N, C-alpha and C. Protein backbone atom coordinates (compact mmCIF):
# COMPACT_ATOMS: atom_id res chain seq x y z
N MET A 1 22.13 -14.82 -42.66
CA MET A 1 21.61 -14.36 -41.39
C MET A 1 20.15 -13.94 -41.56
N GLN A 2 19.40 -14.14 -40.51
CA GLN A 2 17.98 -13.81 -40.53
C GLN A 2 17.76 -12.34 -40.20
N VAL A 3 16.94 -11.68 -41.00
CA VAL A 3 16.61 -10.27 -40.77
C VAL A 3 15.59 -10.19 -39.63
N ARG A 4 15.85 -9.32 -38.65
CA ARG A 4 14.95 -9.11 -37.51
C ARG A 4 14.06 -7.88 -37.73
N LYS A 5 14.65 -6.83 -38.35
CA LYS A 5 13.94 -5.57 -38.52
C LYS A 5 14.43 -4.88 -39.78
N ILE A 6 13.50 -4.24 -40.49
CA ILE A 6 13.85 -3.46 -41.66
C ILE A 6 13.22 -2.07 -41.50
N SER A 7 13.99 -1.05 -41.80
CA SER A 7 13.51 0.33 -41.76
C SER A 7 13.63 0.90 -43.16
N ILE A 8 12.55 1.47 -43.66
CA ILE A 8 12.48 2.01 -45.01
C ILE A 8 12.31 3.51 -44.91
N GLY A 9 13.22 4.27 -45.53
CA GLY A 9 13.10 5.72 -45.54
C GLY A 9 14.45 6.39 -45.49
N SER A 10 14.48 7.64 -45.94
CA SER A 10 15.76 8.35 -46.06
C SER A 10 16.29 8.85 -44.72
N ASP A 11 15.43 9.09 -43.74
CA ASP A 11 15.87 9.58 -42.44
C ASP A 11 15.49 8.53 -41.39
N TYR A 12 16.46 7.74 -40.99
CA TYR A 12 16.22 6.60 -40.10
C TYR A 12 15.51 6.99 -38.80
N LYS A 13 15.89 8.10 -38.20
CA LYS A 13 15.35 8.48 -36.89
C LYS A 13 13.94 9.04 -36.93
N SER A 14 13.60 9.81 -37.97
CA SER A 14 12.32 10.51 -37.90
C SER A 14 11.36 10.21 -39.06
N ASP A 15 11.85 9.60 -40.11
CA ASP A 15 10.99 9.50 -41.29
C ASP A 15 10.85 8.08 -41.84
N SER A 16 11.36 7.08 -41.15
CA SER A 16 11.34 5.74 -41.73
C SER A 16 10.16 4.93 -41.20
N MET A 17 9.73 3.97 -42.03
CA MET A 17 8.73 2.99 -41.62
C MET A 17 9.50 1.77 -41.14
N ASN A 18 9.11 1.23 -39.98
CA ASN A 18 9.81 0.11 -39.38
C ASN A 18 8.93 -1.13 -39.37
N TYR A 19 9.52 -2.25 -39.74
CA TYR A 19 8.83 -3.53 -39.74
C TYR A 19 9.71 -4.53 -39.00
N THR A 20 9.15 -5.18 -37.96
CA THR A 20 9.90 -6.09 -37.11
C THR A 20 9.20 -7.44 -37.04
N ILE A 21 9.98 -8.52 -37.04
CA ILE A 21 9.41 -9.85 -36.88
C ILE A 21 8.59 -9.89 -35.59
N GLY A 22 7.38 -10.42 -35.67
CA GLY A 22 6.49 -10.50 -34.51
C GLY A 22 5.58 -9.30 -34.33
N GLN A 23 5.81 -8.24 -35.09
CA GLN A 23 4.99 -7.02 -35.00
C GLN A 23 3.60 -7.29 -35.57
N LYS A 24 2.58 -6.77 -34.92
CA LYS A 24 1.20 -6.92 -35.39
C LYS A 24 0.94 -5.97 -36.55
N ALA A 25 0.08 -6.40 -37.47
CA ALA A 25 -0.31 -5.59 -38.63
C ALA A 25 -1.80 -5.78 -38.88
N PHE A 26 -2.39 -4.89 -39.65
CA PHE A 26 -3.82 -4.97 -39.99
C PHE A 26 -4.69 -5.09 -38.74
N ASN A 27 -4.56 -4.13 -37.83
CA ASN A 27 -5.35 -4.10 -36.59
C ASN A 27 -5.19 -5.37 -35.76
N GLY A 28 -4.01 -5.95 -35.77
CA GLY A 28 -3.73 -7.13 -34.97
C GLY A 28 -4.18 -8.44 -35.57
N LYS A 29 -4.71 -8.42 -36.78
CA LYS A 29 -5.20 -9.65 -37.42
C LYS A 29 -4.06 -10.48 -38.01
N TYR A 30 -2.92 -9.85 -38.27
CA TYR A 30 -1.77 -10.53 -38.85
C TYR A 30 -0.53 -10.17 -38.05
N THR A 31 0.49 -11.02 -38.17
CA THR A 31 1.78 -10.80 -37.52
C THR A 31 2.86 -10.90 -38.58
N ILE A 32 3.86 -10.02 -38.51
CA ILE A 32 4.97 -10.12 -39.45
C ILE A 32 5.73 -11.41 -39.15
N HIS A 33 5.78 -12.26 -40.15
CA HIS A 33 6.32 -13.62 -40.00
C HIS A 33 7.77 -13.74 -40.46
N LEU A 34 8.10 -13.08 -41.58
CA LEU A 34 9.42 -13.24 -42.18
C LEU A 34 9.77 -12.01 -42.99
N ILE A 35 11.04 -11.61 -42.91
CA ILE A 35 11.59 -10.56 -43.77
C ILE A 35 12.78 -11.20 -44.47
N GLU A 36 12.74 -11.25 -45.80
CA GLU A 36 13.83 -11.90 -46.51
C GLU A 36 14.34 -11.04 -47.65
N HIS A 37 15.64 -11.18 -47.92
CA HIS A 37 16.25 -10.50 -49.05
C HIS A 37 16.12 -11.43 -50.25
N SER A 38 15.57 -10.92 -51.33
CA SER A 38 15.41 -11.70 -52.56
C SER A 38 16.44 -11.24 -53.58
N VAL A 39 17.38 -12.11 -53.89
CA VAL A 39 18.42 -11.78 -54.86
C VAL A 39 17.81 -11.70 -56.26
N THR A 40 16.88 -12.60 -56.56
CA THR A 40 16.28 -12.62 -57.90
C THR A 40 15.40 -11.40 -58.15
N SER A 41 14.67 -10.95 -57.12
CA SER A 41 13.81 -9.77 -57.27
C SER A 41 14.54 -8.48 -56.96
N LYS A 42 15.74 -8.60 -56.41
CA LYS A 42 16.56 -7.45 -56.04
C LYS A 42 15.85 -6.53 -55.05
N GLY A 43 15.43 -7.10 -53.93
CA GLY A 43 14.77 -6.33 -52.90
C GLY A 43 14.44 -7.16 -51.68
N TYR A 44 13.61 -6.61 -50.81
CA TYR A 44 13.21 -7.27 -49.58
C TYR A 44 11.72 -7.55 -49.60
N LYS A 45 11.35 -8.76 -49.15
CA LYS A 45 9.96 -9.18 -49.07
C LYS A 45 9.56 -9.33 -47.62
N ILE A 46 8.35 -8.85 -47.29
CA ILE A 46 7.82 -8.98 -45.94
C ILE A 46 6.58 -9.87 -46.01
N TYR A 47 6.60 -10.94 -45.22
CA TYR A 47 5.49 -11.89 -45.18
C TYR A 47 4.76 -11.75 -43.85
N VAL A 48 3.43 -11.89 -43.88
CA VAL A 48 2.61 -11.86 -42.67
C VAL A 48 1.93 -13.21 -42.50
N GLU A 49 1.55 -13.50 -41.25
CA GLU A 49 0.87 -14.75 -40.91
C GLU A 49 -0.43 -14.43 -40.19
N ASN A 50 -1.49 -15.17 -40.52
CA ASN A 50 -2.77 -14.96 -39.83
C ASN A 50 -2.94 -15.98 -38.71
N ASP A 51 -4.10 -15.96 -38.04
CA ASP A 51 -4.36 -16.86 -36.91
C ASP A 51 -4.42 -18.32 -37.33
N ASN A 52 -4.66 -18.59 -38.60
CA ASN A 52 -4.72 -19.96 -39.11
C ASN A 52 -3.36 -20.46 -39.57
N GLU A 53 -2.30 -19.71 -39.25
CA GLU A 53 -0.92 -20.03 -39.61
C GLU A 53 -0.69 -20.04 -41.12
N GLU A 54 -1.49 -19.26 -41.85
CA GLU A 54 -1.28 -19.09 -43.29
C GLU A 54 -0.38 -17.89 -43.49
N VAL A 55 0.61 -18.03 -44.36
CA VAL A 55 1.59 -16.98 -44.59
C VAL A 55 1.37 -16.37 -45.98
N PHE A 56 1.40 -15.04 -46.04
CA PHE A 56 1.15 -14.31 -47.27
C PHE A 56 2.23 -13.25 -47.48
N LEU A 57 2.61 -13.04 -48.75
CA LEU A 57 3.50 -11.93 -49.08
C LEU A 57 2.71 -10.65 -48.92
N TRP A 58 3.23 -9.71 -48.13
CA TRP A 58 2.53 -8.47 -47.85
C TRP A 58 3.15 -7.28 -48.57
N LYS A 59 4.48 -7.14 -48.48
CA LYS A 59 5.13 -5.97 -49.06
C LYS A 59 6.43 -6.37 -49.74
N PHE A 60 6.82 -5.54 -50.72
CA PHE A 60 8.11 -5.71 -51.39
C PHE A 60 8.74 -4.34 -51.52
N PHE A 61 10.01 -4.24 -51.15
CA PHE A 61 10.78 -3.00 -51.30
C PHE A 61 12.01 -3.32 -52.13
N ASN A 62 12.21 -2.57 -53.22
CA ASN A 62 13.37 -2.86 -54.06
C ASN A 62 14.64 -2.26 -53.45
N ASP A 63 15.77 -2.76 -53.93
CA ASP A 63 17.06 -2.35 -53.37
C ASP A 63 17.41 -0.89 -53.66
N ASN A 64 16.65 -0.20 -54.50
CA ASN A 64 16.93 1.20 -54.81
C ASN A 64 16.43 2.15 -53.72
N MET A 65 15.61 1.64 -52.80
CA MET A 65 15.08 2.48 -51.72
C MET A 65 16.09 2.54 -50.58
N PRO A 66 16.09 3.64 -49.81
CA PRO A 66 16.97 3.68 -48.63
C PRO A 66 16.45 2.70 -47.57
N ILE A 67 17.27 1.70 -47.25
CA ILE A 67 16.87 0.63 -46.34
C ILE A 67 17.94 0.42 -45.29
N SER A 68 17.51 0.24 -44.05
CA SER A 68 18.40 -0.12 -42.96
C SER A 68 17.95 -1.47 -42.42
N ILE A 69 18.90 -2.38 -42.22
CA ILE A 69 18.58 -3.75 -41.80
C ILE A 69 19.18 -4.03 -40.43
N GLU A 70 18.40 -4.70 -39.58
CA GLU A 70 18.92 -5.26 -38.33
C GLU A 70 18.79 -6.77 -38.43
N TYR A 71 19.86 -7.47 -38.12
CA TYR A 71 19.86 -8.92 -38.19
C TYR A 71 19.65 -9.52 -36.81
N ASN A 72 19.13 -10.75 -36.78
CA ASN A 72 18.98 -11.48 -35.55
C ASN A 72 20.36 -11.95 -35.09
N ILE A 73 20.73 -11.61 -33.89
CA ILE A 73 22.02 -12.03 -33.36
C ILE A 73 21.75 -12.81 -32.07
N ASP A 74 22.12 -14.07 -32.09
CA ASP A 74 21.95 -14.92 -30.91
C ASP A 74 23.33 -15.18 -30.29
N PHE A 75 23.48 -14.79 -29.03
CA PHE A 75 24.75 -15.00 -28.35
C PHE A 75 24.67 -16.23 -27.49
């Protein structure tokens, strides 16, 4: 299943950082393109895309951090 949103932090409601597909980053110069779980790296990778449709790895969070995942659900 495709990840839609990832929240990093011990307190989901008040203390977590949220990253969502399509969210703007770096003053709107990049857009969050993909959030994927990496079994080999044992964590989550966040990729961003620029206006030239180039995709770059932006962040990595290991599985030891408190993480909440929302998946894309198409009905």
